[in-house]
């Protein structure tokens, strides 16, 4: 699936991933290919992206995540 993590200052990540885990306000959520469409709010924590090369962590202070058509778009603070 395609993943983009964007802050007001820069793009933190853009590429393909096997899975993504985000710190949702109601708890941690994970996304895989073909996940149902979803928009939710994030709280402070780490976004974990698992790619072919391994695992990457991106700390965020909050934001919004949108999942649609095998694309995960994270607008982070």
PDB file of N, CA and C in Angstrom:
ATOM      1  N   UNK A   1       0.837  -1.170   0.000  1.00  0.00           N
ATOM      2  CA  UNK A   1       0.000   0.000   0.000  1.00  0.00           C
ATOM      3  C   UNK A   1       0.888   1.241   0.000  1.00  0.00           C
ATOM      4  N   UNK A   2       0.353   2.329  -0.483  1.00  0.00           N
ATOM      5  CA  UNK A   2       1.093   3.582  -0.541  1.00  0.00           C
ATOM      6  C   UNK A   2       0.884   4.354   0.754  1.00  0.00           C
ATOM      7  N   UNK A   3       1.960   4.933   1.284  1.00  0.00           N
ATOM      8  CA  UNK A   3       1.892   5.665   2.549  1.00  0.00           C
ATOM      9  C   UNK A   3       2.550   7.025   2.376  1.00  0.00           C
ATOM     10  N   UNK A   4       1.882   8.064   2.891  1.00  0.00           N
ATOM     11  CA  UNK A   4       2.461   9.402   2.933  1.00  0.00           C
ATOM     12  C   UNK A   4       2.271   9.956   4.335  1.00  0.00           C
ATOM     13  N   UNK A   5       3.363  10.471   4.916  1.00  0.00           N
ATOM     14  CA  UNK A   5       3.305  11.141   6.215  1.00  0.00           C
ATOM     15  C   UNK A   5       3.799  12.561   5.984  1.00  0.00           C
ATOM     16  N   UNK A   6       2.903  13.522   6.181  1.00  0.00           N
ATOM     17  CA  UNK A   6       3.196  14.915   5.864  1.00  0.00           C
ATOM     18  C   UNK A   6       2.984  15.777   7.100  1.00  0.00           C
ATOM     19  N   UNK A   7       3.931  16.691   7.358  1.00  0.00           N
ATOM     20  CA  UNK A   7       3.792  17.696   8.411  1.00  0.00           C
ATOM     21  C   UNK A   7       3.699  19.060   7.725  1.00  0.00           C
ATOM     22  N   UNK A   8       3.345  20.117   8.460  1.00  0.00           N
ATOM     23  CA  UNK A   8       3.327  21.444   7.835  1.00  0.00           C
ATOM     24  C   UNK A   8       4.690  21.866   7.288  1.00  0.00           C
ATOM     25  N   UNK A   9       5.772  21.328   7.838  1.00  0.00           N
ATOM     26  CA  UNK A   9       7.122  21.718   7.444  1.00  0.00           C
ATOM     27  C   UNK A   9       7.719  20.880   6.327  1.00  0.00           C
ATOM     28  N   UNK A  10       7.424  19.558   6.342  1.00  0.00           N
ATOM     29  CA  UNK A  10       8.076  18.678   5.373  1.00  0.00           C
ATOM     30  C   UNK A  10       7.339  17.357   5.235  1.00  0.00           C
ATOM     31  N   UNK A  11       7.786  16.588   4.267  1.00  0.00           N
ATOM     32  CA  UNK A  11       7.268  15.240   4.060  1.00  0.00           C
ATOM     33  C   UNK A  11       8.191  14.274   4.791  1.00  0.00           C
ATOM     34  N   UNK A  12       7.655  13.525   5.762  1.00  0.00           N
ATOM     35  CA  UNK A  12       8.467  12.597   6.544  1.00  0.00           C
ATOM     36  C   UNK A  12       8.699  11.269   5.828  1.00  0.00           C
ATOM     37  N   UNK A  13       7.667  10.805   5.115  1.00  0.00           N
ATOM     38  CA  UNK A  13       7.767   9.504   4.438  1.00  0.00           C
ATOM     39  C   UNK A  13       6.824   9.485   3.258  1.00  0.00           C
ATOM     40  N   UNK A  14       7.284   8.875   2.180  1.00  0.00           N
ATOM     41  CA  UNK A  14       6.424   8.641   1.020  1.00  0.00           C
ATOM     42  C   UNK A  14       6.942   7.391   0.342  1.00  0.00           C
ATOM     43  N   UNK A  15       6.093   6.365   0.266  1.00  0.00           N
ATOM     44  CA  UNK A  15       6.521   5.134  -0.361  1.00  0.00           C
ATOM     45  C   UNK A  15       5.573   3.984  -0.079  1.00  0.00           C
ATOM     46  N   UNK A  16       6.041   2.794  -0.413  1.00  0.00           N
ATOM     47  CA  UNK A  16       5.255   1.576  -0.232  1.00  0.00           C
ATOM     48  C   UNK A  16       5.540   0.968   1.138  1.00  0.00           C
ATOM     49  N   UNK A  17       4.518   0.367   1.732  1.00  0.00           N
ATOM     50  CA  UNK A  17       4.665  -0.272   3.041  1.00  0.00           C
ATOM     51  C   UNK A  17       3.820  -1.539   3.099  1.00  0.00           C
ATOM     52  N   UNK A  18       4.239  -2.457   3.964  1.00  0.00           N
ATOM     53  CA  UNK A  18       3.462  -3.674   4.226  1.00  0.00           C
ATOM     54  C   UNK A  18       2.353  -3.394   5.223  1.00  0.00           C
ATOM     55  N   UNK A  19       2.668  -2.550   6.247  1.00  0.00           N
ATOM     56  CA  UNK A  19       1.667  -2.202   7.254  1.00  0.00           C
ATOM     57  C   UNK A  19       2.023  -0.870   7.896  1.00  0.00           C
ATOM     58  N   UNK A  20       1.009  -0.254   8.507  1.00  0.00           N
ATOM     59  CA  UNK A  20       1.167   1.021   9.211  1.00  0.00           C
ATOM     60  C   UNK A  20       0.392   0.927  10.514  1.00  0.00           C
ATOM     61  N   UNK A  21       1.007   1.374  11.607  1.00  0.00           N
ATOM     62  CA  UNK A  21       0.336   1.446  12.906  1.00  0.00           C
ATOM     63  C   UNK A  21       0.380   2.888  13.367  1.00  0.00           C
ATOM     64  N   UNK A  22      -0.784   3.413  13.798  1.00  0.00           N
ATOM     65  CA  UNK A  22      -0.879   4.814  14.218  1.00  0.00           C
ATOM     66  C   UNK A  22      -1.464   4.913  15.624  1.00  0.00           C
ATOM     67  N   UNK A  23      -1.135   6.004  16.350  1.00  0.00           N
ATOM     68  CA  UNK A  23      -1.704   6.215  17.690  1.00  0.00           C
ATOM     69  C   UNK A  23      -3.038   6.962  17.606  1.00  0.00           C
ATOM     70  N   UNK A  24      -4.123   6.249  17.437  1.00  0.00           N
ATOM     71  CA  UNK A  24      -5.444   6.876  17.370  1.00  0.00           C
ATOM     72  C   UNK A  24      -5.900   7.351  18.731  1.00  0.00           C
ATOM     73  N   UNK A  25      -6.825   8.313  18.757  1.00  0.00           N
ATOM     74  CA  UNK A  25      -7.317   8.830  20.035  1.00  0.00           C
ATOM     75  C   UNK A  25      -8.048   7.754  20.833  1.00  0.00           C
ATOM     76  N   UNK A  26      -8.577   6.740  20.152  1.00  0.00           N
ATOM     77  CA  UNK A  26      -9.276   5.648  20.843  1.00  0.00           C
ATOM     78  C   UNK A  26      -8.406   4.410  20.995  1.00  0.00           C
ATOM     79  N   UNK A  27      -7.113   4.541  20.703  1.00  0.00           N
ATOM     80  CA  UNK A  27      -6.197   3.415  20.822  1.00  0.00           C
ATOM     81  C   UNK A  27      -5.399   3.223  19.555  1.00  0.00           C
ATOM     82  N   UNK A  28      -4.409   2.357  19.625  1.00  0.00           N
ATOM     83  CA  UNK A  28      -3.546   2.073  18.487  1.00  0.00           C
ATOM     84  C   UNK A  28      -4.330   1.355  17.395  1.00  0.00           C
ATOM     85  N   UNK A  29      -4.073   1.728  16.136  1.00  0.00           N
ATOM     86  CA  UNK A  29      -4.755   1.107  14.994  1.00  0.00           C
ATOM     87  C   UNK A  29      -3.726   0.696  13.959  1.00  0.00           C
ATOM     88  N   UNK A  30      -3.944  -0.447  13.339  1.00  0.00           N
ATOM     89  CA  UNK A  30      -3.057  -0.921  12.294  1.00  0.00           C
ATOM     90  C   UNK A  30      -3.792  -1.055  10.977  1.00  0.00           C
ATOM     91  N   UNK A  31      -3.056  -0.822   9.881  1.00  0.00           N
ATOM     92  CA  UNK A  31      -3.641  -0.887   8.539  1.00  0.00           C
ATOM     93  C   UNK A  31      -2.803  -1.797   7.656  1.00  0.00           C
ATOM     94  N   UNK A  32      -3.491  -2.646   6.899  1.00  0.00           N
ATOM     95  CA  UNK A  32      -2.872  -3.520   5.905  1.00  0.00           C
ATOM     96  C   UNK A  32      -3.530  -3.228   4.562  1.00  0.00           C
ATOM     97  N   UNK A  33      -3.054  -3.883   3.508  1.00  0.00           N
ATOM     98  CA  UNK A  33      -3.686  -3.732   2.190  1.00  0.00           C
ATOM     99  C   UNK A  33      -5.178  -4.018   2.266  1.00  0.00           C
ATOM    100  N   UNK A  34      -5.941  -3.316   1.464  1.00  0.00           N
ATOM    101  CA  UNK A  34      -7.389  -3.501   1.317  1.00  0.00           C
ATOM    102  C   UNK A  34      -8.169  -3.189   2.587  1.00  0.00           C
ATOM    103  N   UNK A  35      -7.648  -2.290   3.414  1.00  0.00           N
ATOM    104  CA  UNK A  35      -8.377  -1.865   4.616  1.00  0.00           C
ATOM    105  C   UNK A  35      -9.598  -1.051   4.203  1.00  0.00           C
ATOM    106  N   UNK A  36     -10.647  -1.134   4.969  1.00  0.00           N
ATOM    107  CA  UNK A  36     -11.857  -0.351   4.701  1.00  0.00           C
ATOM    108  C   UNK A  36     -11.536   1.146   4.808  1.00  0.00           C
ATOM    109  N   UNK A  37     -12.238   1.988   4.033  1.00  0.00           N
ATOM    110  CA  UNK A  37     -12.011   3.429   4.118  1.00  0.00           C
ATOM    111  C   UNK A  37     -12.251   3.944   5.539  1.00  0.00           C
ATOM    112  N   UNK A  38     -11.406   4.898   5.957  1.00  0.00           N
ATOM    113  CA  UNK A  38     -11.459   5.378   7.338  1.00  0.00           C
ATOM    114  C   UNK A  38     -10.811   6.754   7.430  1.00  0.00           C
ATOM    115  N   UNK A  39     -11.374   7.615   8.250  1.00  0.00           N
ATOM    116  CA  UNK A  39     -10.746   8.883   8.622  1.00  0.00           C
ATOM    117  C   UNK A  39     -10.858   8.984  10.136  1.00  0.00           C
ATOM    118  N   UNK A  40      -9.729   9.272  10.805  1.00  0.00           N
ATOM    119  CA  UNK A  40      -9.760   9.398  12.255  1.00  0.00           C
ATOM    120  C   UNK A  40      -8.677  10.363  12.724  1.00  0.00           C
ATOM    121  N   UNK A  41      -8.775  10.742  13.984  1.00  0.00           N
ATOM    122  CA  UNK A  41      -7.855  11.692  14.599  1.00  0.00           C
ATOM    123  C   UNK A  41      -6.748  10.933  15.328  1.00  0.00           C
ATOM    124  N   UNK A  42      -5.539  11.504  15.286  1.00  0.00           N
ATOM    125  CA  UNK A  42      -4.395  10.899  15.964  1.00  0.00           C
ATOM    126  C   UNK A  42      -4.046  11.681  17.220  1.00  0.00           C
ATOM    127  N   UNK A  43      -3.482  10.969  18.197  1.00  0.00           N
ATOM    128  CA  UNK A  43      -2.930  11.628  19.381  1.00  0.00           C
ATOM    129  C   UNK A  43      -1.408  11.540  19.291  1.00  0.00           C
ATOM    130  N   UNK A  44      -0.724  12.122  20.241  1.00  0.00           N
ATOM    131  CA  UNK A  44       0.737  12.083  20.254  1.00  0.00           C
ATOM    132  C   UNK A  44       1.223  10.642  20.404  1.00  0.00           C
ATOM    133  N   UNK A  45       2.251  10.298  19.661  1.00  0.00           N
ATOM    134  CA  UNK A  45       2.819   8.957  19.713  1.00  0.00           C
ATOM    135  C   UNK A  45       3.656   8.692  18.484  1.00  0.00           C
ATOM    136  N   UNK A  46       3.933   7.430  18.222  1.00  0.00           N
ATOM    137  CA  UNK A  46       4.762   7.042  17.084  1.00  0.00           C
ATOM    138  C   UNK A  46       3.929   6.378  16.005  1.00  0.00           C
ATOM    139  N   UNK A  47       4.167   6.784  14.755  1.00  0.00           N
ATOM    140  CA  UNK A  47       3.616   6.092  13.593  1.00  0.00           C
ATOM    141  C   UNK A  47       4.671   5.065  13.173  1.00  0.00           C
ATOM    142  N   UNK A  48       4.268   3.798  13.117  1.00  0.00           N
ATOM    143  CA  UNK A  48       5.191   2.724  12.744  1.00  0.00           C
ATOM    144  C   UNK A  48       4.864   2.268  11.330  1.00  0.00           C
ATOM    145  N   UNK A  49       5.882   2.342  10.463  1.00  0.00           N
ATOM    146  CA  UNK A  49       5.735   1.927   9.072  1.00  0.00           C
ATOM    147  C   UNK A  49       6.658   0.731   8.846  1.00  0.00           C
ATOM    148  N   UNK A  50       6.094  -0.377   8.388  1.00  0.00           N
ATOM    149  CA  UNK A  50       6.890  -1.560   8.081  1.00  0.00           C
ATOM    150  C   UNK A  50       6.989  -1.684   6.566  1.00  0.00           C
ATOM    151  N   UNK A  51       8.232  -1.624   6.073  1.00  0.00           N
ATOM    152  CA  UNK A  51       8.500  -1.717   4.646  1.00  0.00           C
ATOM    153  C   UNK A  51       9.298  -2.983   4.368  1.00  0.00           C
ATOM    154  N   UNK A  52       9.647  -3.180   3.110  1.00  0.00           N
ATOM    155  CA  UNK A  52      10.491  -4.327   2.733  1.00  0.00           C
ATOM    156  C   UNK A  52      11.848  -4.246   3.434  1.00  0.00           C
ATOM    157  N   UNK A  53      12.319  -3.018   3.714  1.00  0.00           N
ATOM    158  CA  UNK A  53      13.641  -2.811   4.318  1.00  0.00           C
ATOM    159  C   UNK A  53      13.630  -2.915   5.837  1.00  0.00           C
ATOM    160  N   UNK A  54      12.444  -2.915   6.447  1.00  0.00           N
ATOM    161  CA  UNK A  54      12.371  -2.988   7.902  1.00  0.00           C
ATOM    162  C   UNK A  54      11.329  -2.045   8.471  1.00  0.00           C
ATOM    163  N   UNK A  55      11.547  -1.665   9.715  1.00  0.00           N
ATOM    164  CA  UNK A  55      10.580  -0.857  10.460  1.00  0.00           C
ATOM    165  C   UNK A  55      11.121   0.559  10.666  1.00  0.00           C
ATOM    166  N   UNK A  56      10.246   1.558  10.462  1.00  0.00           N
ATOM    167  CA  UNK A  56      10.614   2.950  10.709  1.00  0.00           C
ATOM    168  C   UNK A  56       9.576   3.564  11.645  1.00  0.00           C
ATOM    169  N   UNK A  57      10.042   4.380  12.593  1.00  0.00           N
ATOM    170  CA  UNK A  57       9.158   5.072  13.529  1.00  0.00           C
ATOM    171  C   UNK A  57       9.225   6.572  13.265  1.00  0.00           C
ATOM    172  N   UNK A  58       8.052   7.206  13.284  1.00  0.00           N
ATOM    173  CA  UNK A  58       7.947   8.644  13.086  1.00  0.00           C
ATOM    174  C   UNK A  58       7.131   9.231  14.240  1.00  0.00           C
ATOM    175  N   UNK A  59       7.753   9.994  15.138  1.00  0.00           N
ATOM    176  CA  UNK A  59       6.999  10.595  16.238  1.00  0.00           C
ATOM    177  C   UNK A  59       6.093  11.718  15.728  1.00  0.00           C
ATOM    178  N   UNK A  60       4.852  11.728  16.201  1.00  0.00           N
ATOM    179  CA  UNK A  60       3.901  12.791  15.841  1.00  0.00           C
ATOM    180  C   UNK A  60       3.266  13.344  17.117  1.00  0.00           C
ATOM    181  N   UNK A  61       2.817  14.582  17.050  1.00  0.00           N
ATOM    182  CA  UNK A  61       2.158  15.229  18.190  1.00  0.00           C
ATOM    183  C   UNK A  61       0.644  15.160  18.077  1.00  0.00           C
ATOM    184  N   UNK A  62       0.155  14.620  16.982  1.00  0.00           N
ATOM    185  CA  UNK A  62      -1.267  14.533  16.712  1.00  0.00           C
ATOM    186  C   UNK A  62      -1.473  14.645  15.219  1.00  0.00           C
ATOM    187  N   UNK A  63      -2.741  14.697  14.791  1.00  0.00           N
ATOM    188  CA  UNK A  63      -3.029  14.853  13.371  1.00  0.00           C
ATOM    189  C   UNK A  63      -4.254  14.068  12.951  1.00  0.00           C
ATOM    190  N   UNK A  64      -4.280  13.757  11.655  1.00  0.00           N
ATOM    191  CA  UNK A  64      -5.410  13.058  11.050  1.00  0.00           C
ATOM    192  C   UNK A  64      -4.866  11.999  10.110  1.00  0.00           C
ATOM    193  N   UNK A  65      -5.552  10.860  10.039  1.00  0.00           N
ATOM    194  CA  UNK A  65      -5.181   9.812   9.087  1.00  0.00           C
ATOM    195  C   UNK A  65      -6.395   9.488   8.221  1.00  0.00           C
ATOM    196  N   UNK A  66      -6.136   9.310   6.917  1.00  0.00           N
ATOM    197  CA  UNK A  66      -7.173   8.898   5.977  1.00  0.00           C
ATOM    198  C   UNK A  66      -6.692   7.636   5.281  1.00  0.00           C
ATOM    199  N   UNK A  67      -7.540   6.613   5.264  1.00  0.00           N
ATOM    200  CA  UNK A  67      -7.238   5.358   4.576  1.00  0.00           C
ATOM    201  C   UNK A  67      -8.277   5.188   3.479  1.00  0.00           C
ATOM    202  N   UNK A  68      -7.790   5.056   2.229  1.00  0.00           N
ATOM    203  CA  UNK A  68      -8.711   4.881   1.110  1.00  0.00           C
ATOM    204  C   UNK A  68      -7.977   4.282  -0.080  1.00  0.00           C
ATOM    205  N   UNK A  69      -8.526   3.236  -0.650  1.00  0.00           N
ATOM    206  CA  UNK A  69      -7.998   2.611  -1.867  1.00  0.00           C
ATOM    207  C   UNK A  69      -6.512   2.277  -1.757  1.00  0.00           C
ATOM    208  N   UNK A  70      -6.143   1.558  -0.715  1.00  0.00           N
ATOM    209  CA  UNK A  70      -4.752   1.138  -0.474  1.00  0.00           C
ATOM    210  C   UNK A  70      -3.783   2.298  -0.369  1.00  0.00           C
ATOM    211  N   UNK A  71      -4.265   3.447   0.098  1.00  0.00           N
ATOM    212  CA  UNK A  71      -3.421   4.608   0.379  1.00  0.00           C
ATOM    213  C   UNK A  71      -3.692   5.076   1.800  1.00  0.00           C
ATOM    214  N   UNK A  72      -2.614   5.274   2.557  1.00  0.00           N
ATOM    215  CA  UNK A  72      -2.708   5.805   3.911  1.00  0.00           C
ATOM    216  C   UNK A  72      -2.056   7.188   3.894  1.00  0.00           C
ATOM    217  N   UNK A  73      -2.861   8.227   4.130  1.00  0.00           N
ATOM    218  CA  UNK A  73      -2.371   9.599   4.154  1.00  0.00           C
ATOM    219  C   UNK A  73      -2.445  10.104   5.588  1.00  0.00           C
ATOM    220  N   UNK A  74      -1.285  10.489   6.138  1.00  0.00           N
ATOM    221  CA  UNK A  74      -1.218  10.977   7.506  1.00  0.00           C
ATOM    222  C   UNK A  74      -0.799  12.434   7.473  1.00  0.00           C
ATOM    223  N   UNK A  75      -1.687  13.301   7.930  1.00  0.00           N
ATOM    224  CA  UNK A  75      -1.378  14.722   8.077  1.00  0.00           C
ATOM    225  C   UNK A  75      -1.064  14.936   9.551  1.00  0.00           C
ATOM    226  N   UNK A  76       0.222  15.074   9.863  1.00  0.00           N
ATOM    227  CA  UNK A  76       0.683  15.070  11.251  1.00  0.00           C
ATOM    228  C   UNK A  76       1.148  16.435  11.704  1.00  0.00           C
ATOM    229  N   UNK A  77       1.109  16.613  13.019  1.00  0.00           N
ATOM    230  CA  UNK A  77       1.644  17.823  13.637  1.00  0.00           C
ATOM    231  C   UNK A  77       3.047  17.542  14.132  1.00  0.00           C
TER     232      UNK A  77
END
